[in-house]
Amino acid sequence: MIDRSQAPAIKDAVEFEVLLKPYELFRLDNGIPVYVIRSEEQETLQLELVFPAGSWFETGSLVAASTNFLMKNGSSKHSALEINEMAEYYGAYLNRNCFHENATFTLHCLTKHTADLLPILQEVIQDPVFPEEELAIYTQNMKQKLAVNLQKCEFVANRHIDKYLFGEFHPYGRVSSMEAFDALQAESLRAFYKKHYTYNNCKIFLAGNLPADMIPLLNRYFGSTNWNGENHMLRPELPILPAEERKFRIFNDENGVQGAVRIARPFPNRYHPDFPKMLVLNTIFGGYFGSRLMSNIREEKGYTYGIHSQMYNFRQASAINIQTEAGRDVCEATVAEIYKELELLQKEIISEEELSLVRNFMIGSILGDLDGAFQVIQRWKNLILNDLDEHYFYNNIRTIKTITAEELQQLAKQYYNREDFYELIVI
């Protein structure tokens, strides 16, 4: 019997064994891989189709994102309204997203409605018609949204810092414009769709409580034909052309009361051996609520409500990006404090207490991210789409648990030099 007069022992997150549940792999009759994580906790499932159809592959600005968005807005059988109403009738969510490398369609639904919803998903994926009226509505809405966002200093700052890091013509640095929306043509969207949304470019990620006939159902709607033909995608190598100047000040709103601060530098991608180590250093510096940046600039100085540092995990390249919004009269002081914290990490050894706290935070966050089939399949998706396996995942765990304060100081000396950073304030 449990002695409830005694509190259970406290166990640090780093003491737990972090395990990544293995996936099941099926192949449909036409060869499409299906990665599966099963769970019977809830009567729901998540089905995601992924294609190499991100902005990296587009030949015209905004074509990839616009194609992805408008695929759901009408087939030869149903209008956009009818497609949305059918999904809503079953209480399902059918979402689409376009990123730099990939584009996705994700279905969340109750397990019992899977057979009713797969024909709708099939229409969206295999039979979009890109109606002219839907393109006109989309263009108008996106231009209006862009006009509103261009009044916001943080939006303008995000656009410019990526342009400085990667170049304005690179997919990672290219931004939307009114002219690009006006130039969109339905025919160019159809051409992009036919080239990139083909059966042999599709990967399926499936998680949750699956009906017994799930694989036969997928075969019926996605595996029985070579839909859209076969196209072997070659990933083009695109040159990165960063800005030569390092310091920028942009005045966007003369009446604005706050400014957006961005301090960023290029960094090798996730395949570089220093990447997992830098994730630890970045967390200490600005990756959680108790970070150096938050403790100083938010808690002590009161310059901002929040400040953080992130590491991009794009496939070709990465970057370290420090972001915050602060009162316009303290933006320059905020920049000075950011550099001060960078220099402290170069000069002083991180205490064992702080390093232990960050280890536990990072491992605890990963444990939380693996809580449930939907989260586990997302972790596997990120590995698979980047040609990585579970060894990469476990190496990151090992790095978090074993990296020393001395190693972190050497990383700070190598990667936290002021002259390597782009500095931007938008007011």
Foldseek 3Di string as FASTA:
>chain_A
DDDVVDDDDDDFLLPDDDDQDAWDWDAFQQGAIETEDEDAPAQKKKKKKKWQQAQLPDPAPPLSVLLQVQLCADFPVDGNVVLVVQCVVQPKDWDWDHDHGMIMIMIMGGQVCVLVCLVSVLRSLFTGDRDPVVLVVVLVVVQVVVVVLLLDQQSVVVLVQQCQAFNCPHSSNPDDDNVRSVPDDSVSSVVSSLQISWLVRIHMYMYYHHDPCRSVSCNVRRNVDRGSHDHDDDRDDDHGDHDPDFEEEAERDPPDFKKKKKKKFWDAAPVDPCVLVVVLLQCQQFVDCPHPLNCPVCVPVNFFPGKGWDWDHDQGTIMIMIITMGGPVCRVVSVVVSLVSLVCLLVDFDDPVSLSVSLSVVSVVVVVLSPGGVSSSVVVVVQVVNVHDVVSVVVSNVSSSDPGSVVSNVVSVVPVDRVRMHIYMYD
